[in-house]
Amino acid sequence: MGGVTGIQLIAIAFAAIMAYFSYTSWRRKELETREAFLWLAVWIALILISLFPERLRAVISPLQVARLLDLVIVGAILFLAVLTFALNRTVRRIEQRMTRLVQSLALREGQESSRD
């Protein structure tokens, strides 16, 4: 391994901090175990990619990617697309539940006020 560059150090520090936040969020029950493991895997992968970028060079050639950074960026964009889709789906489910809850409460309140 050659010398570690400044950007590698920044990526490693960032990933380590985010891994810590993921762990503490899990401990405070803000993340489920499955989510915490997913995020920890993401941060560990970022650390490994930053520490050993030469290991990915074998992947670059068959995929016809010009530079390693291009591969990392494409992977990050794909990950963000999946994450955005999952978040959108979750928000839609919460909206539907909230709508049903509000309707139920309104009906219950309407029934109680009609009894008076």
PDB file of N, CA and C in Angstrom:
ATOM      1  N   MET A   1       0.852  -1.175   0.000  1.00  0.00           N
ATOM      2  CA  MET A   1       0.000   0.000   0.000  1.00  0.00           C
ATOM      3  C   MET A   1       0.886   1.223   0.000  1.00  0.00           C
ATOM      4  N   GLY A   2       0.588   2.176  -0.853  1.00  0.00           N
ATOM      5  CA  GLY A   2       1.330   3.422  -0.897  1.00  0.00           C
ATOM      6  C   GLY A   2       0.921   4.302   0.267  1.00  0.00           C
ATOM      7  N   GLY A   3       1.343   5.533   0.221  1.00  0.00           N
ATOM      8  CA  GLY A   3       0.972   6.466   1.269  1.00  0.00           C
ATOM      9  C   GLY A   3      -0.520   6.758   1.244  1.00  0.00           C
ATOM     10  N   VAL A   4      -1.068   7.001   2.394  1.00  0.00           N
ATOM     11  CA  VAL A   4      -2.487   7.338   2.498  1.00  0.00           C
ATOM     12  C   VAL A   4      -2.640   8.818   2.185  1.00  0.00           C
ATOM     13  N   THR A   5      -3.546   9.128   1.271  1.00  0.00           N
ATOM     14  CA  THR A   5      -3.748  10.522   0.858  1.00  0.00           C
ATOM     15  C   THR A   5      -4.694  11.235   1.818  1.00  0.00           C
ATOM     16  N   GLY A   6      -4.755  12.541   1.652  1.00  0.00           N
ATOM     17  CA  GLY A   6      -5.635  13.350   2.494  1.00  0.00           C
ATOM     18  C   GLY A   6      -7.099  12.968   2.350  1.00  0.00           C
ATOM     19  N   ILE A   7      -7.530  12.723   1.117  1.00  0.00           N
ATOM     20  CA  ILE A   7      -8.929  12.356   0.891  1.00  0.00           C
ATOM     21  C   ILE A   7      -9.248  11.000   1.513  1.00  0.00           C
ATOM     22  N   GLN A   8      -8.263  10.099   1.508  1.00  0.00           N
ATOM     23  CA  GLN A   8      -8.467   8.802   2.159  1.00  0.00           C
ATOM     24  C   GLN A   8      -8.633   8.987   3.663  1.00  0.00           C
ATOM     25  N   LEU A   9      -7.819   9.831   4.255  1.00  0.00           N
ATOM     26  CA  LEU A   9      -7.931  10.097   5.692  1.00  0.00           C
ATOM     27  C   LEU A   9      -9.278  10.721   6.032  1.00  0.00           C
ATOM     28  N   ILE A  10      -9.726  11.649   5.195  1.00  0.00           N
ATOM     29  CA  ILE A  10     -11.029  12.279   5.423  1.00  0.00           C
ATOM     30  C   ILE A  10     -12.143  11.242   5.335  1.00  0.00           C
ATOM     31  N   ALA A  11     -12.085  10.379   4.322  1.00  0.00           N
ATOM     32  CA  ALA A  11     -13.113   9.338   4.153  1.00  0.00           C
ATOM     33  C   ALA A  11     -13.105   8.364   5.328  1.00  0.00           C
ATOM     34  N   ILE A  12     -11.919   7.989   5.792  1.00  0.00           N
ATOM     35  CA  ILE A  12     -11.812   7.062   6.926  1.00  0.00           C
ATOM     36  C   ILE A  12     -12.354   7.702   8.194  1.00  0.00           C
ATOM     37  N   ALA A  13     -11.976   8.961   8.436  1.00  0.00           N
ATOM     38  CA  ALA A  13     -12.460   9.668   9.632  1.00  0.00           C
ATOM     39  C   ALA A  13     -13.980   9.822   9.576  1.00  0.00           C
ATOM     40  N   PHE A  14     -14.495  10.209   8.415  1.00  0.00           N
ATOM     41  CA  PHE A  14     -15.936  10.365   8.237  1.00  0.00           C
ATOM     42  C   PHE A  14     -16.660   9.047   8.508  1.00  0.00           C
ATOM     43  N   ALA A  15     -16.165   7.965   7.918  1.00  0.00           N
ATOM     44  CA  ALA A  15     -16.804   6.655   8.080  1.00  0.00           C
ATOM     45  C   ALA A  15     -16.746   6.190   9.532  1.00  0.00           C
ATOM     46  N   ALA A  16     -15.626   6.437  10.200  1.00  0.00           N
ATOM     47  CA  ALA A  16     -15.499   6.043  11.609  1.00  0.00           C
ATOM     48  C   ALA A  16     -16.490   6.815  12.486  1.00  0.00           C
ATOM     49  N   ILE A  17     -16.628   8.106  12.221  1.00  0.00           N
ATOM     50  CA  ILE A  17     -17.585   8.923  12.987  1.00  0.00           C
ATOM     51  C   ILE A  17     -19.013   8.455  12.725  1.00  0.00           C
ATOM     52  N   MET A  18     -19.327   8.186  11.461  1.00  0.00           N
ATOM     53  CA  MET A  18     -20.673   7.730  11.130  1.00  0.00           C
ATOM     54  C   MET A  18     -20.958   6.336  11.700  1.00  0.00           C
ATOM     55  N   ALA A  19     -19.941   5.480  11.746  1.00  0.00           N
ATOM     56  CA  ALA A  19     -20.114   4.161  12.374  1.00  0.00           C
ATOM     57  C   ALA A  19     -20.425   4.337  13.859  1.00  0.00           C
ATOM     58  N   TYR A  20     -19.745   5.265  14.493  1.00  0.00           N
ATOM     59  CA  TYR A  20     -20.008   5.557  15.914  1.00  0.00           C
ATOM     60  C   TYR A  20     -21.443   6.061  16.093  1.00  0.00           C
ATOM     61  N   PHE A  21     -21.877   6.993  15.228  1.00  0.00           N
ATOM     62  CA  PHE A  21     -23.251   7.497  15.313  1.00  0.00           C
ATOM     63  C   PHE A  21     -24.267   6.386  15.061  1.00  0.00           C
ATOM     64  N   SER A  22     -23.966   5.493  14.143  1.00  0.00           N
ATOM     65  CA  SER A  22     -24.867   4.371  13.878  1.00  0.00           C
ATOM     66  C   SER A  22     -24.984   3.486  15.115  1.00  0.00           C
ATOM     67  N   TYR A  23     -23.853   3.210  15.737  1.00  0.00           N
ATOM     68  CA  TYR A  23     -23.846   2.376  16.944  1.00  0.00           C
ATOM     69  C   TYR A  23     -24.619   3.044  18.078  1.00  0.00           C
ATOM     70  N   THR A  24     -24.360   4.328  18.320  1.00  0.00           N
ATOM     71  CA  THR A  24     -25.053   5.013  19.419  1.00  0.00           C
ATOM     72  C   THR A  24     -26.552   5.143  19.131  1.00  0.00           C
ATOM     73  N   SER A  25     -26.921   5.320  17.866  1.00  0.00           N
ATOM     74  CA  SER A  25     -28.345   5.375  17.508  1.00  0.00           C
ATOM     75  C   SER A  25     -29.010   4.033  17.775  1.00  0.00           C
ATOM     76  N   TRP A  26     -28.305   2.963  17.495  1.00  0.00           N
ATOM     77  CA  TRP A  26     -28.836   1.619  17.786  1.00  0.00           C
ATOM     78  C   TRP A  26     -28.994   1.419  19.293  1.00  0.00           C
ATOM     79  N   ARG A  27     -27.999   1.850  20.049  1.00  0.00           N
ATOM     80  CA  ARG A  27     -28.074   1.702  21.514  1.00  0.00           C
ATOM     81  C   ARG A  27     -29.240   2.486  22.108  1.00  0.00           C
ATOM     82  N   ARG A  28     -29.569   3.632  21.507  1.00  0.00           N
ATOM     83  CA  ARG A  28     -30.691   4.450  21.988  1.00  0.00           C
ATOM     84  C   ARG A  28     -32.019   4.000  21.394  1.00  0.00           C
ATOM     85  N   LYS A  29     -31.998   2.892  20.654  1.00  0.00           N
ATOM     86  CA  LYS A  29     -33.193   2.304  20.030  1.00  0.00           C
ATOM     87  C   LYS A  29     -33.776   3.217  18.941  1.00  0.00           C
ATOM     88  N   GLU A  30     -32.946   4.072  18.345  1.00  0.00           N
ATOM     89  CA  GLU A  30     -33.375   4.907  17.231  1.00  0.00           C
ATOM     90  C   GLU A  30     -33.255   4.147  15.909  1.00  0.00           C
ATOM     91  N   LEU A  31     -32.463   3.090  15.899  1.00  0.00           N
ATOM     92  CA  LEU A  31     -32.312   2.209  14.747  1.00  0.00           C
ATOM     93  C   LEU A  31     -32.596   0.785  15.182  1.00  0.00           C
ATOM     94  N   GLU A  32     -33.248   0.039  14.309  1.00  0.00           N
ATOM     95  CA  GLU A  32     -33.426  -1.386  14.571  1.00  0.00           C
ATOM     96  C   GLU A  32     -32.087  -2.078  14.315  1.00  0.00           C
ATOM     97  N   THR A  33     -31.937  -3.277  14.834  1.00  0.00           N
ATOM     98  CA  THR A  33     -30.685  -4.015  14.684  1.00  0.00           C
ATOM     99  C   THR A  33     -30.313  -4.199  13.222  1.00  0.00           C
ATOM    100  N   ARG A  34     -31.298  -4.541  12.396  1.00  0.00           N
ATOM    101  CA  ARG A  34     -31.058  -4.744  10.965  1.00  0.00           C
ATOM    102  C   ARG A  34     -30.531  -3.462  10.314  1.00  0.00           C
ATOM    103  N   GLU A  35     -31.142  -2.331  10.649  1.00  0.00           N
ATOM    104  CA  GLU A  35     -30.703  -1.053  10.092  1.00  0.00           C
ATOM    105  C   GLU A  35     -29.296  -0.687  10.557  1.00  0.00           C
ATOM    106  N   ALA A  36     -29.042  -0.922  11.838  1.00  0.00           N
ATOM    107  CA  ALA A  36     -27.724  -0.600  12.381  1.00  0.00           C
ATOM    108  C   ALA A  36     -26.646  -1.425  11.687  1.00  0.00           C
ATOM    109  N   PHE A  37     -26.909  -2.707  11.475  1.00  0.00           N
ATOM    110  CA  PHE A  37     -25.924  -3.552  10.785  1.00  0.00           C
ATOM    111  C   PHE A  37     -25.715  -3.102   9.342  1.00  0.00           C
ATOM    112  N   LEU A  38     -26.794  -2.697   8.679  1.00  0.00           N
ATOM    113  CA  LEU A  38     -26.671  -2.198   7.312  1.00  0.00           C
ATOM    114  C   LEU A  38     -25.769  -0.965   7.271  1.00  0.00           C
ATOM    115  N   TRP A  39     -26.025  -0.005   8.155  1.00  0.00           N
ATOM    116  CA  TRP A  39     -25.216   1.211   8.165  1.00  0.00           C
ATOM    117  C   TRP A  39     -23.780   0.931   8.584  1.00  0.00           C
ATOM    118  N   LEU A  40     -23.602   0.069   9.559  1.00  0.00           N
ATOM    119  CA  LEU A  40     -22.228  -0.283   9.947  1.00  0.00           C
ATOM    120  C   LEU A  40     -21.487  -0.932   8.780  1.00  0.00           C
ATOM    121  N   ALA A  41     -22.186  -1.771   8.027  1.00  0.00           N
ATOM    122  CA  ALA A  41     -21.566  -2.397   6.851  1.00  0.00           C
ATOM    123  C   ALA A  41     -21.171  -1.346   5.818  1.00  0.00           C
ATOM    124  N   VAL A  42     -22.018  -0.347   5.617  1.00  0.00           N
ATOM    125  CA  VAL A  42     -21.706   0.727   4.668  1.00  0.00           C
ATOM    126  C   VAL A  42     -20.454   1.469   5.112  1.00  0.00           C
ATOM    127  N   TRP A  43     -20.384   1.822   6.397  1.00  0.00           N
ATOM    128  CA  TRP A  43     -19.234   2.604   6.890  1.00  0.00           C
ATOM    129  C   TRP A  43     -17.958   1.767   6.891  1.00  0.00           C
ATOM    130  N   ILE A  44     -18.075   0.499   7.226  1.00  0.00           N
ATOM    131  CA  ILE A  44     -16.892  -0.372   7.190  1.00  0.00           C
ATOM    132  C   ILE A  44     -16.416  -0.542   5.746  1.00  0.00           C
ATOM    133  N   ALA A  45     -17.358  -0.681   4.817  1.00  0.00           N
ATOM    134  CA  ALA A  45     -16.987  -0.796   3.399  1.00  0.00           C
ATOM    135  C   ALA A  45     -16.260   0.462   2.934  1.00  0.00           C
ATOM    136  N   LEU A  46     -16.731   1.624   3.357  1.00  0.00           N
ATOM    137  CA  LEU A  46     -16.060   2.875   2.985  1.00  0.00           C
ATOM    138  C   LEU A  46     -14.642   2.922   3.552  1.00  0.00           C
ATOM    139  N   ILE A  47     -14.483   2.473   4.778  1.00  0.00           N
ATOM    140  CA  ILE A  47     -13.139   2.436   5.380  1.00  0.00           C
ATOM    141  C   ILE A  47     -12.234   1.493   4.590  1.00  0.00           C
ATOM    142  N   LEU A  48     -12.738   0.300   4.263  1.00  0.00           N
ATOM    143  CA  LEU A  48     -11.927  -0.670   3.530  1.00  0.00           C
ATOM    144  C   LEU A  48     -11.572  -0.178   2.123  1.00  0.00           C
ATOM    145  N   ILE A  49     -12.547   0.437   1.455  1.00  0.00           N
ATOM    146  CA  ILE A  49     -12.273   0.979   0.121  1.00  0.00           C
ATOM    147  C   ILE A  49     -11.230   2.086   0.211  1.00  0.00           C
ATOM    148  N   SER A  50     -11.325   2.900   1.260  1.00  0.00           N
ATOM    149  CA  SER A  50     -10.358   3.993   1.429  1.00  0.00           C
ATOM    150  C   SER A  50      -8.970   3.475   1.783  1.00  0.00           C
ATOM    151  N   LEU A  51      -8.912   2.418   2.581  1.00  0.00           N
ATOM    152  CA  LEU A  51      -7.610   1.869   2.988  1.00  0.00           C
ATOM    153  C   LEU A  51      -6.946   1.056   1.881  1.00  0.00           C
ATOM    154  N   PHE A  52      -7.756   0.309   1.123  1.00  0.00           N
ATOM    155  CA  PHE A  52      -7.213  -0.604   0.116  1.00  0.00           C
ATOM    156  C   PHE A  52      -7.812  -0.349  -1.263  1.00  0.00           C
ATOM    157  N   PRO A  53      -7.633   0.837  -1.823  1.00  0.00           N
ATOM    158  CA  PRO A  53      -8.252   1.125  -3.126  1.00  0.00           C
ATOM    159  C   PRO A  53      -7.704   0.255  -4.247  1.00  0.00           C
ATOM    160  N   GLU A  54      -6.469  -0.227  -4.105  1.00  0.00           N
ATOM    161  CA  GLU A  54      -5.877  -1.054  -5.174  1.00  0.00           C
ATOM    162  C   GLU A  54      -6.616  -2.381  -5.346  1.00  0.00           C
ATOM    163  N   ARG A  55      -7.332  -2.821  -4.319  1.00  0.00           N
ATOM    164  CA  ARG A  55      -8.093  -4.083  -4.413  1.00  0.00           C
ATOM    165  C   ARG A  55      -9.251  -3.970  -5.408  1.00  0.00           C
ATOM    166  N   LEU A  56      -9.734  -2.751  -5.629  1.00  0.00           N
ATOM    167  CA  LEU A  56     -10.849  -2.553  -6.554  1.00  0.00           C
ATOM    168  C   LEU A  56     -10.397  -2.374  -7.994  1.00  0.00           C
ATOM    169  N   ARG A  57      -9.126  -2.256  -8.194  1.00  0.00           N
ATOM    170  CA  ARG A  57      -8.621  -2.042  -9.555  1.00  0.00           C
ATOM    171  C   ARG A  57      -8.983  -3.222 -10.467  1.00  0.00           C
ATOM    172  N   ALA A  58      -9.104  -4.422  -9.917  1.00  0.00           N
ATOM    173  CA  ALA A  58      -9.486  -5.586 -10.721  1.00  0.00           C
ATOM    174  C   ALA A  58     -10.932  -5.482 -11.207  1.00  0.00           C
ATOM    175  N   VAL A  59     -11.744  -4.705 -10.495  1.00  0.00           N
ATOM    176  CA  VAL A  59     -13.143  -4.533 -10.869  1.00  0.00           C
ATOM    177  C   VAL A  59     -13.284  -3.466 -11.953  1.00  0.00           C
ATOM    178  N   ILE A  60     -12.382  -2.506 -11.947  1.00  0.00           N
ATOM    179  CA  ILE A  60     -12.482  -1.378 -12.870  1.00  0.00           C
ATOM    180  C   ILE A  60     -12.390  -1.813 -14.322  1.00  0.00           C
ATOM    181  N   SER A  61     -11.443  -2.646 -14.645  1.00  0.00           N
ATOM    182  CA  SER A  61     -11.200  -3.031 -16.037  1.00  0.00           C
ATOM    183  C   SER A  61     -12.399  -3.737 -16.676  1.00  0.00           C
ATOM    184  N   PRO A  62     -12.940  -4.809 -16.075  1.00  0.00           N
ATOM    185  CA  PRO A  62     -14.084  -5.486 -16.718  1.00  0.00           C
ATOM    186  C   PRO A  62     -15.318  -4.588 -16.845  1.00  0.00           C
ATOM    187  N   LEU A  63     -15.482  -3.647 -15.905  1.00  0.00           N
ATOM    188  CA  LEU A  63     -16.640  -2.757 -15.968  1.00  0.00           C
ATOM    189  C   LEU A  63     -16.414  -1.563 -16.884  1.00  0.00           C
ATOM    190  N   GLN A  64     -15.209  -1.467 -17.403  1.00  0.00           N
ATOM    191  CA  GLN A  64     -14.820  -0.381 -18.298  1.00  0.00           C
ATOM    192  C   GLN A  64     -15.052   0.987 -17.660  1.00  0.00           C
ATOM    193  N   VAL A  65     -14.644   1.095 -16.382  1.00  0.00           N
ATOM    194  CA  VAL A  65     -14.711   2.353 -15.650  1.00  0.00           C
ATOM    195  C   VAL A  65     -13.335   2.995 -15.749  1.00  0.00           C
ATOM    196  N   ALA A  66     -13.308   4.276 -16.061  1.00  0.00           N
ATOM    197  CA  ALA A  66     -12.034   4.957 -16.312  1.00  0.00           C
ATOM    198  C   ALA A  66     -11.165   5.056 -15.059  1.00  0.00           C
ATOM    199  N   ARG A  67     -11.780   5.443 -13.951  1.00  0.00           N
ATOM    200  CA  ARG A  67     -11.003   5.632 -12.721  1.00  0.00           C
ATOM    201  C   ARG A  67     -11.714   4.986 -11.538  1.00  0.00           C
ATOM    202  N   LEU A  68     -10.980   4.697 -10.506  1.00  0.00           N
ATOM    203  CA  LEU A  68     -11.544   4.116  -9.287  1.00  0.00           C
ATOM    204  C   LEU A  68     -12.578   5.045  -8.676  1.00  0.00           C
ATOM    205  N   LEU A  69     -12.297   6.331  -8.679  1.00  0.00           N
ATOM    206  CA  LEU A  69     -13.244   7.293  -8.119  1.00  0.00           C
ATOM    207  C   LEU A  69     -14.577   7.249  -8.861  1.00  0.00           C
ATOM    208  N   ASP A  70     -14.536   7.046 -10.172  1.00  0.00           N
ATOM    209  CA  ASP A  70     -15.774   6.929 -10.941  1.00  0.00           C
ATOM    210  C   ASP A  70     -16.606   5.733 -10.459  1.00  0.00           C
ATOM    211  N   LEU A  71     -15.943   4.625 -10.193  1.00  0.00           N
ATOM    212  CA  LEU A  71     -16.633   3.427  -9.705  1.00  0.00           C
ATOM    213  C   LEU A  71     -17.277   3.697  -8.348  1.00  0.00           C
ATOM    214  N   VAL A  72     -16.549   4.344  -7.470  1.00  0.00           N
ATOM    215  CA  VAL A  72     -17.075   4.660  -6.134  1.00  0.00           C
ATOM    216  C   VAL A  72     -18.265   5.601  -6.251  1.00  0.00           C
ATOM    217  N   ILE A  73     -18.172   6.595  -7.106  1.00  0.00           N
ATOM    218  CA  ILE A  73     -19.271   7.551  -7.276  1.00  0.00           C
ATOM    219  C   ILE A  73     -20.507   6.873  -7.853  1.00  0.00           C
ATOM    220  N   VAL A  74     -20.326   6.036  -8.854  1.00  0.00           N
ATOM    221  CA  VAL A  74     -21.467   5.312  -9.427  1.00  0.00           C
ATOM    222  C   VAL A  74     -22.109   4.419  -8.363  1.00  0.00           C
ATOM    223  N   GLY A  75     -21.288   3.718  -7.586  1.00  0.00           N
ATOM    224  CA  GLY A  75     -21.816   2.883  -6.503  1.00  0.00           C
ATOM    225  C   GLY A  75     -22.578   3.709  -5.478  1.00  0.00           C
ATOM    226  N   ALA A  76     -22.053   4.868  -5.136  1.00  0.00           N
ATOM    227  CA  ALA A  76     -22.727   5.741  -4.163  1.00  0.00           C
ATOM    228  C   ALA A  76     -24.056   6.248  -4.712  1.00  0.00           C
ATOM    229  N   ILE A  77     -24.089   6.601  -5.990  1.00  0.00           N
ATOM    230  CA  ILE A  77     -25.334   7.073  -6.601  1.00  0.00           C
ATOM    231  C   ILE A  77     -26.378   5.958  -6.607  1.00  0.00           C
ATOM    232  N   LEU A  78     -25.961   4.744  -6.932  1.00  0.00           N
ATOM    233  CA  LEU A  78     -26.899   3.609  -6.910  1.00  0.00           C
ATOM    234  C   LEU A  78     -27.418   3.360  -5.491  1.00  0.00           C
ATOM    235  N   PHE A  79     -26.534   3.424  -4.510  1.00  0.00           N
ATOM    236  CA  PHE A  79     -26.936   3.242  -3.114  1.00  0.00           C
ATOM    237  C   PHE A  79     -27.925   4.326  -2.701  1.00  0.00           C
ATOM    238  N   LEU A  80     -27.657   5.577  -3.079  1.00  0.00           N
ATOM    239  CA  LEU A  80     -28.564   6.675  -2.742  1.00  0.00           C
ATOM    240  C   LEU A  80     -29.919   6.514  -3.424  1.00  0.00           C
ATOM    241  N   ALA A  81     -29.931   5.991  -4.644  1.00  0.00           N
ATOM    242  CA  ALA A  81     -31.197   5.750  -5.341  1.00  0.00           C
ATOM    243  C   ALA A  81     -32.031   4.713  -4.591  1.00  0.00           C
ATOM    244  N   VAL A  82     -31.399   3.631  -4.168  1.00  0.00           N
ATOM    245  CA  VAL A  82     -32.110   2.593  -3.405  1.00  0.00           C
ATOM    246  C   VAL A  82     -32.597   3.160  -2.080  1.00  0.00           C
ATOM    247  N   LEU A  83     -31.760   3.923  -1.410  1.00  0.00           N
ATOM    248  CA  LEU A  83     -32.128   4.523  -0.138  1.00  0.00           C
ATOM    249  C   LEU A  83     -33.301   5.492  -0.305  1.00  0.00           C
ATOM    250  N   THR A  84     -33.268   6.302  -1.342  1.00  0.00           N
ATOM    251  CA  THR A  84     -34.354   7.246  -1.605  1.00  0.00           C
ATOM    252  C   THR A  84     -35.659   6.506  -1.876  1.00  0.00           C
ATOM    253  N   PHE A  85     -35.593   5.446  -2.656  1.00  0.00           N
ATOM    254  CA  PHE A  85     -36.786   4.645  -2.932  1.00  0.00           C
ATOM    255  C   PHE A  85     -37.354   4.067  -1.639  1.00  0.00           C
ATOM    256  N   ALA A  86     -36.487   3.499  -0.805  1.00  0.00           N
ATOM    257  CA  ALA A  86     -36.945   2.897   0.454  1.00  0.00           C
ATOM    258  C   ALA A  86     -37.547   3.956   1.382  1.00  0.00           C
ATOM    259  N   LEU A  87     -36.924   5.110   1.455  1.00  0.00           N
ATOM    260  CA  LEU A  87     -37.450   6.185   2.297  1.00  0.00           C
ATOM    261  C   LEU A  87     -38.799   6.679   1.774  1.00  0.00           C
ATOM    262  N   ASN A  88     -38.924   6.813   0.467  1.00  0.00           N
ATOM    263  CA  ASN A  88     -40.189   7.251  -0.126  1.00  0.00           C
ATOM    264  C   ASN A  88     -41.293   6.252   0.189  1.00  0.00           C
ATOM    265  N   ARG A  89     -40.977   4.978   0.066  1.00  0.00           N
ATOM    266  CA  ARG A  89     -41.957   3.933   0.371  1.00  0.00           C
ATOM    267  C   ARG A  89     -42.388   3.998   1.833  1.00  0.00           C
ATOM    268  N   THR A  90     -41.450   4.205   2.720  1.00  0.00           N
ATOM    269  CA  THR A  90     -41.760   4.296   4.150  1.00  0.00           C
ATOM    270  C   THR A  90     -42.624   5.513   4.450  1.00  0.00           C
ATOM    271  N   VAL A  91     -42.299   6.640   3.846  1.00  0.00           N
ATOM    272  CA  VAL A  91     -43.092   7.856   4.051  1.00  0.00           C
ATOM    273  C   VAL A  91     -44.517   7.647   3.562  1.00  0.00           C
ATOM    274  N   ARG A  92     -44.680   7.003   2.420  1.00  0.00           N
ATOM    275  CA  ARG A  92     -46.026   6.728   1.891  1.00  0.00           C
ATOM    276  C   ARG A  92     -46.823   5.846   2.861  1.00  0.00           C
ATOM    277  N   ARG A  93     -46.193   4.830   3.400  1.00  0.00           N
ATOM    278  CA  ARG A  93     -46.884   3.958   4.367  1.00  0.00           C
ATOM    279  C   ARG A  93     -47.307   4.744   5.599  1.00  0.00           C
ATOM    280  N   ILE A  94     -46.432   5.599   6.089  1.00  0.00           N
ATOM    281  CA  ILE A  94     -46.754   6.413   7.269  1.00  0.00           C
ATOM    282  C   ILE A  94     -47.901   7.366   6.948  1.00  0.00           C
ATOM    283  N   GLU A  95     -47.882   7.972   5.766  1.00  0.00           N
ATOM    284  CA  GLU A  95     -48.978   8.859   5.365  1.00  0.00           C
ATOM    285  C   GLU A  95     -50.300   8.108   5.323  1.00  0.00           C
ATOM    286  N   GLN A  96     -50.288   6.902   4.780  1.00  0.00           N
ATOM    287  CA  GLN A  96     -51.521   6.112   4.709  1.00  0.00           C
ATOM    288  C   GLN A  96     -52.020   5.756   6.104  1.00  0.00           C
ATOM    289  N   ARG A  97     -51.123   5.353   6.980  1.00  0.00           N
ATOM    290  CA  ARG A  97     -51.518   5.039   8.354  1.00  0.00           C
ATOM    291  C   ARG A  97     -52.076   6.265   9.065  1.00  0.00           C
ATOM    292  N   MET A  98     -51.430   7.404   8.852  1.00  0.00           N
ATOM    293  CA  MET A  98     -51.877   8.637   9.485  1.00  0.00           C
ATOM    294  C   MET A  98     -53.262   9.021   8.982  1.00  0.00           C
ATOM    295  N   THR A  99     -53.501   8.870   7.691  1.00  0.00           N
ATOM    296  CA  THR A  99     -54.805   9.185   7.115  1.00  0.00           C
ATOM    297  C   THR A  99     -55.875   8.292   7.731  1.00  0.00           C
ATOM    298  N   ARG A 100     -55.596   6.995   7.822  1.00  0.00           N
ATOM    299  CA  ARG A 100     -56.567   6.064   8.426  1.00  0.00           C
ATOM    300  C   ARG A 100     -56.806   6.409   9.896  1.00  0.00           C
ATOM    301  N   LEU A 101     -55.761   6.762  10.610  1.00  0.00           N
ATOM    302  CA  LEU A 101     -55.891   7.110  12.022  1.00  0.00           C
ATOM    303  C   LEU A 101     -56.733   8.367  12.200  1.00  0.00           C
ATOM    304  N   VAL A 102     -56.467   9.390  11.396  1.00  0.00           N
ATOM    305  CA  VAL A 102     -57.229  10.641  11.487  1.00  0.00           C
ATOM    306  C   VAL A 102     -58.692  10.387  11.139  1.00  0.00           C
ATOM    307  N   GLN A 103     -58.931   9.586  10.106  1.00  0.00           N
ATOM    308  CA  GLN A 103     -60.313   9.275   9.739  1.00  0.00           C
ATOM    309  C   GLN A 103     -61.012   8.527  10.864  1.00  0.00           C
ATOM    310  N   SER A 104     -60.319   7.572  11.460  1.00  0.00           N
ATOM    311  CA  SER A 104     -60.896   6.796  12.557  1.00  0.00           C
ATOM    312  C   SER A 104     -61.212   7.691  13.755  1.00  0.00           C
ATOM    313  N   LEU A 105     -60.277   8.565  14.092  1.00  0.00           N
ATOM    314  CA  LEU A 105     -60.504   9.473  15.220  1.00  0.00           C
ATOM    315  C   LEU A 105     -61.653  10.442  14.933  1.00  0.00           C
ATOM    316  N   ALA A 106     -61.730  10.918  13.694  1.00  0.00           N
ATOM    317  CA  ALA A 106     -62.819  11.834  13.329  1.00  0.00           C
ATOM    318  C   ALA A 106     -64.172  11.130  13.416  1.00  0.00           C
ATOM    319  N   LEU A 107     -64.243   9.886  12.931  1.00  0.00           N
ATOM    320  CA  LEU A 107     -65.495   9.125  13.027  1.00  0.00           C
ATOM    321  C   LEU A 107     -65.885   8.875  14.478  1.00  0.00           C
ATOM    322  N   ARG A 108     -64.910   8.506  15.292  1.00  0.00           N
ATOM    323  CA  ARG A 108     -65.168   8.252  16.707  1.00  0.00           C
ATOM    324  C   ARG A 108     -65.644   9.532  17.402  1.00  0.00           C
ATOM    325  N   GLU A 109     -64.994  10.650  17.100  1.00  0.00           N
ATOM    326  CA  GLU A 109     -65.377  11.916  17.693  1.00  0.00           C
ATOM    327  C   GLU A 109     -66.769  12.327  17.230  1.00  0.00           C
ATOM    328  N   GLY A 110     -67.067  12.078  15.945  1.00  0.00           N
ATOM    329  CA  GLY A 110     -68.386  12.382  15.416  1.00  0.00           C
ATOM    330  C   GLY A 110     -69.461  11.556  16.079  1.00  0.00           C
ATOM    331  N   GLN A 111     -69.194  10.302  16.358  1.00  0.00           N
ATOM    332  CA  GLN A 111     -70.155   9.415  17.015  1.00  0.00           C
ATOM    333  C   GLN A 111     -70.383   9.866  18.458  1.00  0.00           C
ATOM    334  N   GLU A 112     -69.307  10.253  19.123  1.00  0.00           N
ATOM    335  CA  GLU A 112     -69.433  10.695  20.517  1.00  0.00           C
ATOM    336  C   GLU A 112     -70.200  12.005  20.615  1.00  0.00           C
ATOM    337  N   SER A 113     -70.007  12.919  19.673  1.00  0.00           N
ATOM    338  CA  SER A 113     -70.691  14.204  19.724  1.00  0.00           C
ATOM    339  C   SER A 113     -72.170  14.047  19.348  1.00  0.00           C
ATOM    340  N   SER A 114     -72.497  13.026  18.537  1.00  0.00           N
ATOM    341  CA  SER A 114     -73.895  12.817  18.163  1.00  0.00           C
ATOM    342  C   SER A 114     -74.678  12.202  19.325  1.00  0.00           C
ATOM    343  N   ARG A 115     -74.007  11.550  20.241  1.00  0.00           N
ATOM    344  CA  ARG A 115     -74.671  10.969  21.412  1.00  0.00           C
ATOM    345  C   ARG A 115     -75.102  12.042  22.407  1.00  0.00           C
ATOM    346  N   ASP A 116     -74.353  13.138  22.386  1.00  0.00           N
ATOM    347  CA  ASP A 116     -74.652  14.220  23.375  1.00  0.00           C
ATOM    348  C   ASP A 116     -75.895  14.973  23.068  1.00  0.00           C
TER     349      ASP A 116
END
